[in-house]
Amino acid sequence: NVAPLKAMLFVDGTWLYYSLNTRNPHRDAIIPKFGKGWQNNYKVNWLALPRLICAEMEKQRNSKTSFSGSDRPLEISRVMVFTSAKKETDPNSIRMRMFREMANANFDVHMMETVGQGEKCVDIQLAVEMLHYATVPNAYDVAILLSGDKDFVPALVRTRQKGKQVCISSMRAGCNRVLYESPHIRDYDVVWLENFLDDLIVPIPPEERSRRDRAGYASAFTMMRVVRDFVESSPDHEWTSSRDIGKYLKSIEIADSNMLEELKQAHGGLRTFLMERACNLFDVQFPEAGAIRGRGEFGFWVRAKGDSDETLLNEFKRTQFFTKEEKQFLESYMKGKYIENDSYKHTATTANYIDVGNSDAAEELGGDHNLNSSDGIASPALDYSQFTVVRLKELCREKGLPVSGKKDVLVDRLDHDRKIECEVIEKQRRETLMRSHRTAKKTSRATVMTTRSVSSPADSTQSGNIYSQALPQMDASRYRSPR
C-alpha cells in the first residue's frame, strides 16, 4: 500500500458562477446541452466535481512520461471556495443557492461582502491560502486551481517553486490563454469542465423541484399563469410595469395568504422569480440609469415570450402535486377576474419610455425599429471607452468574455458582443411582433364566435381556465365539508 498524493482544490467562486451561468448563449457550453434556464431542471453535482477532476488528471498521469514510475493514487483532501456577494443579494438567487449547495457538499466556502461596484480581495485571499498551505508540511502535494483568471499566474509559479505540483481546471469560454499556453506554470494539461458536463450536471429529482418551487399554497405553475395572464391582458402596451404586477399579485388571495407573499416565500421576490425560475416565459427589461428622470421607483418592465401557453403546459406537466387550496383557487380562477380599472396605472405612466409601438402598425408599415432609437426596447448604447480597464474586465467576466488585452481590445470585444446581442434581440422582437399580430387576429375571430354561442353554466364556470380539463382532481365539491 502506498500513500495517496494529497491535493487541494482552490475554487475562484465568482469566476465559476459567471462561467456556469453566462448570459451569452453563443459562448456557453451548457445551454446547447441542457437548454436555456437549465438551472430550473438541472443542478451541479458538487460532490462529483473533485472526483471528476481527479479522474481526468489520472488519465494524464498514466499517459505522460513525466509521471512514469509513480503509482500513487490522487486524492483531493480539501476544497476551498472564495467569493463575495453584496449584503442585499437575494438569498434565494441562483448565486447564493450555488454557494449553499457547495457548503452542503463540505466545501470550505469563504464568502466576503462586496462593497461598491467591484469585488475586492477575493483573488488575493485565494492566492494567499494556496501559498500558505504550500509551506505547511504535508498539507498537499498538488494544488488544483479552478479558474480562468490569469491574475493567479504569480501564485502558481511560486507554488511550483515550493516543490508542489500544479494543475489548472477551467472552461474554454472563460479561460485566459496565458493559463493554457504558458509552459512553466502547471504540471498537467488544463482539465476542461466541458469534458464531463454530462456527469457534472444532473437532473433535479421531482421531489426536490417541488420543494424549491413551493413554500406555501401555490406552485410555480400557478404563479407563472397568474403573472402571464396579467401581462398579456395589458390593454394598450406590450410591456407591463413590475409595480403593477406586484400590486396585482398582492390583491389575489389564496387561503389565508396572497400570491405576492407566496412568491416571496418560494422565490425571494418578483425579479428573482421572473429572471431565474420563469426565464423561459418572460422577458425582463431594466431602464438605464437616468432614463426615467424622477421615476426610479417604477422598477422594471415585463412581457410574455412567444407561445406562452405551450410553456405553461410544459410547466404543468412537471408539477408533481397541487395543494387543496391551490386546486380550489384554480377551479374558480379566470383570466381578468382580479383586474381593476387602475391595475395598469404605472404601466400607462411609463409607457413612453418602454413601448415598442403598436404591433399591427409595425407589421403593416414594415417599420424598422432600431434598438437604439427613442421608441426601441433598449436604451442608448453605453460608451465603453469611458470605463476604466478594471471595470471593462469586470464586464467581460460577467459576460463570459476573455479578460485579456489592453483597453482598446476590451472595448472592441464588448462592442462586438453588444452588436451580437442586439441582433438577436431585434430578431426576437420582430418575431414577437409578427406572432402578436397573428394572435390578435385569431383572438378577434374567436371573440365573435364566442358571442354567438350560448354557454352552459358548467362551461361558464371553467371559462378562461384552459388547464381545468387537465386537472381531474380539481373538483371543489370533493374538498368542501358536508353541511
Protein backbone atom coordinates (compact mmCIF):
# COMPACT_ATOMS: atom_id res chain seq x y z
CA ASN A 1 0.00 0.00 0.00
CA VAL A 2 1.22 3.47 -0.91
CA ALA A 3 0.05 6.76 0.49
CA PRO A 4 -2.02 8.78 -1.98
CA LEU A 5 -0.93 12.13 -3.33
CA LYS A 6 -2.78 14.81 -1.40
CA ALA A 7 -4.40 17.52 -3.47
CA MET A 8 -6.25 20.69 -2.54
CA LEU A 9 -8.77 22.29 -4.88
CA PHE A 10 -8.88 26.10 -4.83
CA VAL A 11 -12.03 27.47 -6.49
CA ASP A 12 -12.49 31.00 -7.79
CA GLY A 13 -16.19 31.03 -6.87
CA THR A 14 -17.11 34.27 -8.63
CA TRP A 15 -15.48 33.19 -11.89
CA LEU A 16 -17.15 29.77 -11.66
CA TYR A 17 -20.60 31.30 -11.07
CA TYR A 18 -20.39 33.50 -14.16
CA SER A 19 -18.90 30.67 -16.23
CA LEU A 20 -21.73 28.28 -15.36
CA ASN A 21 -24.47 30.89 -15.62
CA THR A 22 -23.28 33.02 -18.52
CA ARG A 23 -25.96 35.15 -20.18
CA ASN A 24 -24.41 34.78 -23.63
CA PRO A 25 -25.65 31.52 -25.22
CA HIS A 26 -23.20 31.89 -28.13
CA ARG A 27 -20.25 31.29 -25.80
CA ASP A 28 -21.86 28.88 -23.38
CA ALA A 29 -21.29 25.13 -23.44
CA ILE A 30 -24.14 24.32 -21.05
CA ILE A 31 -27.15 25.95 -22.76
CA PRO A 32 -26.77 23.94 -26.03
CA LYS A 33 -26.74 20.72 -23.98
CA PHE A 34 -29.36 21.43 -21.33
CA GLY A 35 -31.34 24.41 -22.68
CA LYS A 36 -31.86 27.98 -21.55
CA GLY A 37 -32.91 28.20 -17.91
CA TRP A 38 -31.29 24.83 -17.26
CA GLN A 39 -30.94 25.72 -13.57
CA ASN A 40 -34.68 25.06 -13.15
CA ASN A 41 -34.43 21.42 -14.27
CA TYR A 42 -30.81 20.51 -13.58
CA LYS A 43 -28.24 21.08 -10.87
CA VAL A 44 -24.49 20.75 -10.43
CA ASN A 45 -23.42 17.62 -8.59
CA TRP A 46 -20.78 19.28 -6.45
CA LEU A 47 -19.89 16.04 -4.69
CA ALA A 48 -18.77 14.63 -8.05
CA LEU A 49 -16.61 17.63 -9.02
CA PRO A 50 -13.40 16.59 -7.14
CA ARG A 51 -13.74 13.01 -8.32
CA LEU A 52 -14.21 14.01 -11.98
CA ILE A 53 -11.20 16.36 -11.91
CA CYS A 54 -9.07 13.62 -10.31
CA ALA A 55 -10.17 11.13 -12.98
CA GLU A 56 -9.04 13.48 -15.76
CA MET A 57 -5.71 14.03 -14.00
CA GLU A 58 -5.19 10.27 -13.55
CA LYS A 59 -5.58 9.81 -17.31
CA GLN A 60 -2.74 12.25 -17.83
CA ARG A 61 -0.59 10.58 -15.16
CA ASN A 62 -0.97 7.24 -16.94
CA SER A 63 -0.13 8.67 -20.37
CA LYS A 64 2.61 11.23 -19.62
CA THR A 65 6.21 10.02 -19.34
CA SER A 66 6.95 12.68 -16.71
CA PHE A 67 4.74 10.75 -14.27
CA SER A 68 6.00 7.27 -15.16
CA GLY A 69 7.01 5.10 -12.24
CA SER A 70 4.58 6.76 -9.85
CA ASP A 71 1.67 4.54 -8.81
CA ARG A 72 0.42 6.77 -6.00
CA PRO A 73 -3.30 7.50 -6.43
CA LEU A 74 -4.54 11.09 -6.36
CA GLU A 75 -6.92 12.20 -3.64
CA ILE A 76 -8.44 15.66 -3.08
CA SER A 77 -8.46 16.15 0.66
CA ARG A 78 -9.95 19.65 0.80
CA VAL A 79 -11.91 22.06 -1.42
CA MET A 80 -11.77 25.79 -0.70
CA VAL A 81 -14.10 28.26 -2.43
CA PHE A 82 -13.54 32.03 -2.46
CA THR A 83 -16.20 34.53 -3.49
CA SER A 84 -18.13 37.59 -2.40
CA ALA A 85 -21.65 38.99 -2.62
CA LYS A 86 -23.41 42.21 -1.79
CA LYS A 87 -25.21 42.38 1.52
CA GLU A 88 -28.57 42.84 -0.20
CA THR A 89 -28.15 39.85 -2.56
CA ASP A 90 -31.32 37.74 -2.59
CA PRO A 91 -30.65 34.56 -0.55
CA ASN A 92 -32.91 32.60 -2.94
CA SER A 93 -30.98 33.67 -6.06
CA ILE A 94 -29.09 31.16 -8.18
CA ARG A 95 -25.80 32.70 -6.99
CA MET A 96 -26.46 32.26 -3.27
CA ARG A 97 -28.08 28.86 -3.75
CA MET A 98 -24.98 27.67 -5.60
CA PHE A 99 -22.68 28.53 -2.69
CA ARG A 100 -25.08 26.98 -0.16
CA GLU A 101 -25.01 23.76 -2.16
CA MET A 102 -21.21 23.91 -2.19
CA ALA A 103 -21.18 24.29 1.59
CA ASN A 104 -23.59 21.35 1.90
CA ALA A 105 -21.07 19.30 -0.12
CA ASN A 106 -18.48 20.03 2.62
CA PHE A 107 -16.60 22.63 0.58
CA ASP A 108 -14.99 25.39 2.65
CA VAL A 109 -16.84 28.45 1.29
CA HIS A 110 -15.22 31.78 2.14
CA MET A 111 -17.85 34.45 1.44
CA MET A 112 -16.76 38.08 1.61
CA GLU A 113 -19.03 41.11 1.39
CA THR A 114 -18.88 43.19 -1.80
CA VAL A 115 -18.75 46.92 -1.14
CA GLY A 116 -19.29 49.20 -4.12
CA GLN A 117 -19.21 48.05 -7.74
CA GLY A 118 -16.26 45.66 -7.83
CA GLU A 119 -15.07 42.74 -5.76
CA LYS A 120 -12.09 43.26 -3.52
CA CYS A 121 -9.53 40.85 -2.12
CA VAL A 122 -11.17 37.62 -3.33
CA ASP A 123 -8.33 36.74 -5.72
CA ILE A 124 -5.77 37.82 -3.14
CA GLN A 125 -7.35 35.65 -0.48
CA LEU A 126 -7.25 32.57 -2.73
CA ALA A 127 -3.61 33.17 -3.70
CA VAL A 128 -2.57 33.70 -0.06
CA GLU A 129 -4.26 30.46 1.05
CA MET A 130 -2.66 28.49 -1.77
CA LEU A 131 0.83 29.73 -0.88
CA HIS A 132 0.20 29.34 2.84
CA TYR A 133 -0.68 25.65 2.59
CA ALA A 134 2.25 25.12 0.19
CA THR A 135 4.52 25.93 3.14
CA VAL A 136 2.61 23.78 5.67
CA PRO A 137 4.21 20.32 5.90
CA ASN A 138 2.06 17.51 4.44
CA ALA A 139 -0.82 19.87 3.64
CA TYR A 140 -0.88 18.95 -0.05
CA ASP A 141 1.27 17.62 -2.85
CA VAL A 142 -0.80 19.00 -5.74
CA ALA A 143 -2.57 22.38 -5.93
CA ILE A 144 -5.56 22.45 -8.29
CA LEU A 145 -6.86 25.85 -9.34
CA LEU A 146 -10.41 26.08 -10.74
CA SER A 147 -10.44 29.44 -12.51
CA GLY A 148 -9.73 31.17 -15.80
CA ASP A 149 -8.14 34.32 -14.43
CA LYS A 150 -4.50 35.00 -15.38
CA ASP A 151 -4.02 37.05 -12.18
CA PHE A 152 -3.22 33.77 -10.40
CA VAL A 153 -0.11 33.11 -12.53
CA PRO A 154 2.38 34.53 -9.96
CA ALA A 155 0.84 32.38 -7.20
CA LEU A 156 1.05 29.28 -9.40
CA VAL A 157 4.71 29.96 -10.21
CA ARG A 158 5.59 30.40 -6.51
CA THR A 159 3.66 27.25 -5.58
CA ARG A 160 5.74 25.21 -8.03
CA GLN A 161 8.89 26.77 -6.61
CA LYS A 162 7.85 25.36 -3.24
CA GLY A 163 8.11 21.85 -4.77
CA LYS A 164 4.37 21.33 -5.29
CA GLN A 165 2.67 20.16 -8.46
CA VAL A 166 0.10 22.47 -10.05
CA CYS A 167 -2.98 21.69 -12.13
CA ILE A 168 -5.48 24.14 -13.68
CA SER A 169 -9.14 23.32 -14.29
CA SER A 170 -11.25 25.74 -16.29
CA MET A 171 -13.87 26.27 -19.01
CA ARG A 172 -12.78 27.13 -22.54
CA ALA A 173 -15.03 30.17 -23.00
CA GLY A 174 -13.80 31.85 -19.82
CA CYS A 175 -10.14 30.84 -19.65
CA ASN A 176 -7.35 33.31 -20.36
CA ARG A 177 -4.96 31.95 -22.96
CA VAL A 178 -1.99 32.55 -20.66
CA LEU A 179 -3.18 29.69 -18.44
CA TYR A 180 -3.10 27.08 -21.20
CA GLU A 181 -0.29 28.42 -23.40
CA SER A 182 2.39 29.21 -20.80
CA PRO A 183 4.57 26.13 -20.24
CA HIS A 184 6.03 26.80 -16.78
CA ILE A 185 3.00 27.44 -14.57
CA ARG A 186 1.50 23.93 -14.37
CA ASP A 187 2.45 20.25 -14.39
CA TYR A 188 -0.72 18.93 -16.06
CA ASP A 189 -2.67 19.88 -19.15
CA VAL A 190 -5.68 22.04 -18.37
CA VAL A 191 -8.64 19.96 -17.19
CA TRP A 192 -11.66 21.31 -19.06
CA LEU A 193 -15.02 21.03 -17.30
CA GLU A 194 -16.73 20.69 -20.69
CA ASN A 195 -15.23 17.19 -20.97
CA PHE A 196 -17.51 15.82 -18.25
CA LEU A 197 -20.57 18.11 -18.18
CA ASP A 198 -22.89 15.12 -18.57
CA ASP A 199 -21.58 13.69 -15.29
CA LEU A 200 -21.32 17.03 -13.50
CA ILE A 201 -24.79 18.41 -14.29
CA VAL A 202 -27.63 16.08 -13.33
CA PRO A 203 -31.46 16.32 -13.38
CA ILE A 204 -33.15 17.71 -10.28
CA PRO A 205 -35.26 14.97 -8.64
CA PRO A 206 -39.01 15.70 -8.80
CA GLU A 207 -39.27 15.86 -5.01
CA GLU A 208 -36.53 18.49 -4.81
CA ARG A 209 -38.13 20.51 -7.60
CA SER A 210 -41.37 20.59 -5.66
CA ARG A 211 -39.60 21.76 -2.51
CA ARG A 212 -37.82 24.52 -4.44
CA ASP A 213 -40.99 25.79 -6.08
CA ARG A 214 -43.29 25.67 -3.12
CA ALA A 215 -43.13 27.44 0.22
CA GLY A 216 -46.89 27.60 0.88
CA TYR A 217 -50.05 27.07 -1.12
CA ALA A 218 -49.12 27.94 -4.72
CA SER A 219 -46.79 26.13 -7.10
CA ALA A 220 -44.56 27.83 -9.66
CA PHE A 221 -47.05 26.85 -12.36
CA THR A 222 -49.88 28.78 -10.72
CA MET A 223 -47.67 31.83 -10.15
CA MET A 224 -46.50 31.76 -13.77
CA ARG A 225 -50.02 31.54 -15.07
CA VAL A 226 -51.36 34.39 -12.95
CA VAL A 227 -48.49 36.70 -13.93
CA ARG A 228 -48.68 35.67 -17.60
CA ASP A 229 -52.43 36.38 -17.76
CA PHE A 230 -51.98 39.81 -16.20
CA VAL A 231 -49.12 40.77 -18.52
CA GLU A 232 -50.97 39.63 -21.64
CA SER A 233 -54.15 41.43 -20.57
CA SER A 234 -52.49 44.85 -20.64
CA PRO A 235 -54.88 46.77 -22.91
CA ASP A 236 -52.56 49.16 -24.73
CA HIS A 237 -48.96 48.14 -24.05
CA GLU A 238 -46.66 45.21 -24.80
CA TRP A 239 -44.63 45.73 -21.63
CA THR A 240 -46.04 45.85 -18.09
CA SER A 241 -44.57 47.61 -15.07
CA SER A 242 -43.30 45.43 -12.23
CA ARG A 243 -45.05 47.77 -9.82
CA ASP A 244 -48.40 46.90 -11.36
CA ILE A 245 -47.61 43.18 -11.25
CA GLY A 246 -46.67 43.33 -7.57
CA LYS A 247 -49.81 45.27 -6.68
CA TYR A 248 -51.93 42.84 -8.66
CA LEU A 249 -50.41 39.74 -7.03
CA LYS A 250 -50.94 41.26 -3.60
CA SER A 251 -54.65 41.69 -4.35
CA ILE A 252 -55.16 37.98 -5.16
CA GLU A 253 -55.91 35.95 -2.05
CA ILE A 254 -55.22 32.25 -1.74
CA ALA A 255 -56.30 30.69 1.56
CA ASP A 256 -55.00 32.99 4.33
CA SER A 257 -52.20 34.45 2.16
CA ASN A 258 -51.83 36.25 -1.17
CA MET A 259 -49.91 35.48 -4.36
CA LEU A 260 -47.21 38.07 -3.72
CA GLU A 261 -46.39 36.60 -0.31
CA GLU A 262 -46.37 33.11 -1.81
CA LEU A 263 -43.93 34.23 -4.49
CA LYS A 264 -41.63 35.91 -1.95
CA GLN A 265 -41.53 32.84 0.29
CA ALA A 266 -40.75 30.41 -2.52
CA HIS A 267 -38.51 32.51 -4.78
CA GLY A 268 -37.38 35.57 -2.83
CA GLY A 269 -39.22 38.16 -4.92
CA LEU A 270 -40.71 39.03 -8.27
CA ARG A 271 -37.45 39.89 -10.02
CA THR A 272 -35.71 36.67 -8.96
CA PHE A 273 -38.74 34.62 -9.97
CA LEU A 274 -39.05 36.19 -13.44
CA MET A 275 -35.34 36.16 -14.30
CA GLU A 276 -34.46 32.73 -12.93
CA ARG A 277 -37.43 30.42 -12.39
CA ALA A 278 -39.66 31.80 -15.18
CA CYS A 279 -36.98 32.99 -17.61
CA ASN A 280 -38.41 30.79 -20.39
CA LEU A 281 -41.78 32.54 -20.09
CA PHE A 282 -40.94 36.22 -19.60
CA ASP A 283 -38.65 38.93 -20.93
CA VAL A 284 -37.43 41.48 -18.36
CA GLN A 285 -36.22 44.97 -19.32
CA PHE A 286 -34.47 47.35 -16.91
CA PRO A 287 -34.20 51.10 -17.52
CA GLU A 288 -30.77 52.64 -17.84
CA ALA A 289 -29.71 55.00 -15.08
CA GLY A 290 -31.36 58.35 -15.66
CA ALA A 291 -33.62 57.08 -18.45
CA ILE A 292 -36.71 57.90 -16.36
CA ARG A 293 -35.96 61.09 -14.54
CA GLY A 294 -37.63 61.28 -11.19
CA ARG A 295 -39.33 57.93 -11.75
CA GLY A 296 -36.79 55.47 -10.42
CA GLU A 297 -39.43 53.82 -8.29
CA PHE A 298 -41.02 52.08 -11.26
CA GLY A 299 -38.55 49.19 -11.19
CA PHE A 300 -38.57 47.22 -14.45
CA TRP A 301 -40.85 46.01 -17.24
CA VAL A 302 -42.08 42.55 -18.15
CA ARG A 303 -43.61 40.90 -21.21
CA ALA A 304 -44.55 37.30 -22.10
CA LYS A 305 -42.46 35.38 -24.62
CA GLY A 306 -43.72 33.65 -27.77
CA ASP A 307 -46.15 30.78 -27.27
CA SER A 308 -46.74 31.17 -23.54
CA ASP A 309 -49.49 28.53 -23.48
CA GLU A 310 -47.05 25.82 -24.57
CA THR A 311 -44.53 26.89 -21.93
CA LEU A 312 -47.20 26.80 -19.22
CA LEU A 313 -48.45 23.39 -20.29
CA ASN A 314 -44.91 22.01 -20.06
CA GLU A 315 -44.60 23.50 -16.57
CA PHE A 316 -47.93 21.98 -15.60
CA LYS A 317 -46.75 18.53 -16.68
CA ARG A 318 -43.66 18.89 -14.46
CA THR A 319 -45.67 19.94 -11.40
CA GLN A 320 -45.88 16.98 -9.04
CA PHE A 321 -48.91 17.90 -6.96
CA PHE A 322 -51.34 20.69 -6.14
CA THR A 323 -52.43 21.62 -2.66
CA LYS A 324 -56.09 21.59 -1.73
CA GLU A 325 -56.12 25.40 -1.54
CA GLU A 326 -54.43 25.66 -4.92
CA LYS A 327 -56.94 23.33 -6.58
CA GLN A 328 -59.82 25.40 -5.27
CA PHE A 329 -58.15 28.60 -6.44
CA LEU A 330 -57.55 27.27 -9.97
CA GLU A 331 -61.10 25.96 -10.23
CA SER A 332 -62.56 29.43 -9.76
CA TYR A 333 -59.76 31.37 -11.43
CA MET A 334 -60.43 33.17 -14.71
CA LYS A 335 -58.19 35.41 -16.78
CA GLY A 336 -59.02 39.01 -15.93
CA LYS A 337 -61.06 38.15 -12.85
CA TYR A 338 -58.98 40.32 -10.50
CA ILE A 339 -58.10 43.13 -12.93
CA GLU A 340 -59.43 46.57 -11.94
CA ASN A 341 -59.65 49.85 -13.84
CA ASP A 342 -56.41 51.13 -12.31
CA SER A 343 -54.47 47.85 -12.45
CA TYR A 344 -52.12 49.21 -15.16
CA LYS A 345 -51.66 52.71 -13.76
CA HIS A 346 -47.86 52.59 -13.53
CA THR A 347 -47.60 50.92 -16.93
CA ALA A 348 -49.52 53.78 -18.52
CA THR A 349 -47.36 56.34 -16.73
CA THR A 350 -44.10 54.88 -18.04
CA ALA A 351 -45.40 53.83 -21.47
CA ASN A 352 -43.40 56.46 -23.35
CA TYR A 353 -40.13 55.02 -22.03
CA ILE A 354 -40.55 51.38 -22.99
CA ASP A 355 -43.24 50.72 -25.62
CA VAL A 356 -42.07 49.49 -28.99
CA GLY A 357 -45.20 50.78 -30.66
CA ASN A 358 -48.41 49.25 -31.93
CA SER A 359 -47.71 45.75 -33.24
CA ASP A 360 -50.28 45.99 -36.03
CA ALA A 361 -48.84 49.25 -37.33
CA ALA A 362 -45.29 47.94 -37.05
CA GLU A 363 -46.05 44.92 -39.18
CA GLU A 364 -48.27 46.67 -41.70
CA LEU A 365 -45.85 49.56 -42.22
CA GLY A 366 -42.82 47.27 -42.13
CA GLY A 367 -41.13 49.75 -39.85
CA ASP A 368 -37.53 49.24 -38.83
CA HIS A 369 -37.35 49.83 -35.08
CA ASN A 370 -33.72 50.32 -34.20
CA LEU A 371 -32.80 49.19 -30.73
CA ASN A 372 -31.03 52.43 -30.04
CA SER A 373 -33.90 54.65 -31.23
CA SER A 374 -36.17 56.56 -28.90
CA ASP A 375 -39.04 54.09 -29.37
CA GLY A 376 -36.95 50.94 -29.12
CA ILE A 377 -36.85 48.48 -26.30
CA ALA A 378 -33.30 49.26 -25.29
CA SER A 379 -31.68 52.41 -24.03
CA PRO A 380 -28.91 54.23 -25.88
CA ALA A 381 -25.70 52.20 -26.15
CA LEU A 382 -23.08 52.56 -23.47
CA ASP A 383 -19.80 54.20 -24.39
CA TYR A 384 -17.36 51.58 -23.12
CA SER A 385 -14.40 53.86 -23.84
CA GLN A 386 -15.43 55.93 -20.81
CA PHE A 387 -14.91 52.99 -18.43
CA THR A 388 -11.68 52.11 -16.66
CA VAL A 389 -9.78 48.94 -17.55
CA VAL A 390 -10.78 47.37 -14.22
CA ARG A 391 -14.48 47.99 -14.95
CA LEU A 392 -14.12 46.73 -18.53
CA LYS A 393 -12.61 43.48 -17.28
CA GLU A 394 -15.46 43.08 -14.79
CA LEU A 395 -17.97 43.48 -17.62
CA CYS A 396 -16.09 40.95 -19.76
CA ARG A 397 -16.03 38.49 -16.88
CA GLU A 398 -19.78 38.91 -16.29
CA LYS A 399 -20.50 38.25 -19.98
CA GLY A 400 -18.18 35.23 -20.12
CA LEU A 401 -15.70 37.01 -22.40
CA PRO A 402 -11.89 36.82 -22.21
CA VAL A 403 -10.42 39.49 -19.93
CA SER A 404 -7.00 39.77 -21.56
CA GLY A 405 -5.80 42.70 -23.62
CA LYS A 406 -5.42 46.46 -23.40
CA LYS A 407 -8.26 48.92 -23.09
CA ASP A 408 -8.96 49.28 -26.82
CA VAL A 409 -9.09 45.48 -27.19
CA LEU A 410 -11.55 45.19 -24.30
CA VAL A 411 -13.73 47.97 -25.73
CA ASP A 412 -13.82 46.33 -29.17
CA ARG A 413 -14.64 42.98 -27.59
CA LEU A 414 -17.57 44.41 -25.61
CA ASP A 415 -18.84 46.40 -28.62
CA HIS A 416 -18.80 43.27 -30.76
CA ASP A 417 -20.60 41.29 -28.07
CA ARG A 418 -23.25 44.03 -27.76
CA LYS A 419 -23.74 44.02 -31.53
CA ILE A 420 -24.41 40.28 -31.49
CA GLU A 421 -26.84 40.63 -28.59
CA CYS A 422 -28.69 43.49 -30.32
CA GLU A 423 -29.05 41.44 -33.49
CA VAL A 424 -30.50 38.52 -31.53
CA ILE A 425 -32.87 40.79 -29.57
CA GLU A 426 -34.01 42.57 -32.74
CA LYS A 427 -34.74 39.24 -34.41
CA GLN A 428 -36.72 38.05 -31.39
CA ARG A 429 -38.61 41.35 -31.25
CA ARG A 430 -39.67 41.11 -34.88
CA GLU A 431 -40.79 37.50 -34.41
CA THR A 432 -42.77 38.53 -31.33
CA LEU A 433 -44.46 41.37 -33.21
CA MET A 434 -45.49 39.03 -36.01
CA ARG A 435 -46.84 36.44 -33.56
CA SER A 436 -48.71 39.13 -31.64
CA HIS A 437 -50.33 40.38 -34.84
CA ARG A 438 -51.44 36.89 -35.85
CA THR A 439 -52.68 36.12 -32.32
CA ALA A 440 -54.69 39.36 -32.23
CA LYS A 441 -56.48 38.43 -35.46
CA LYS A 442 -57.25 34.91 -34.18
CA THR A 443 -58.49 36.32 -30.87
CA SER A 444 -60.82 38.79 -32.59
CA ARG A 445 -62.35 35.99 -34.70
CA ALA A 446 -62.70 33.74 -31.65
CA THR A 447 -64.43 36.54 -29.73
CA VAL A 448 -67.03 36.93 -32.46
CA MET A 449 -67.68 33.18 -32.47
CA THR A 450 -67.99 33.13 -28.67
CA THR A 451 -70.55 35.93 -28.54
CA ARG A 452 -72.77 33.97 -30.92
CA SER A 453 -72.72 30.79 -28.86
CA VAL A 454 -74.65 30.04 -25.68
CA SER A 455 -72.59 28.57 -22.87
CA SER A 456 -73.96 26.25 -20.23
CA PRO A 457 -73.45 27.11 -16.51
CA ALA A 458 -70.82 24.39 -16.21
CA ASP A 459 -68.93 25.81 -19.16
CA SER A 460 -69.02 29.34 -17.77
CA THR A 461 -67.53 28.15 -14.52
CA GLN A 462 -64.41 26.98 -16.37
CA SER A 463 -64.29 29.98 -18.74
CA GLY A 464 -60.71 31.11 -19.19
CA ASN A 465 -59.30 28.09 -17.32
CA ILE A 466 -57.65 26.21 -20.19
CA TYR A 467 -55.97 23.80 -17.75
CA SER A 468 -59.06 22.71 -15.81
CA GLN A 469 -59.66 19.67 -18.02
CA ALA A 470 -56.09 18.57 -17.46
CA LEU A 471 -56.72 18.55 -13.71
CA PRO A 472 -59.35 15.88 -12.95
CA GLN A 473 -58.71 16.34 -9.22
CA MET A 474 -59.92 19.96 -9.36
CA ASP A 475 -63.46 19.16 -8.25
CA ALA A 476 -64.11 21.61 -5.45
CA SER A 477 -67.03 19.59 -4.09
CA ARG A 478 -64.55 16.87 -3.07
CA TYR A 479 -62.91 19.27 -0.66
CA ARG A 480 -65.93 21.06 0.80
CA SER A 481 -67.14 19.77 4.15
CA PRO A 482 -70.75 18.45 4.01
CA ARG A 483 -73.44 20.54 5.65
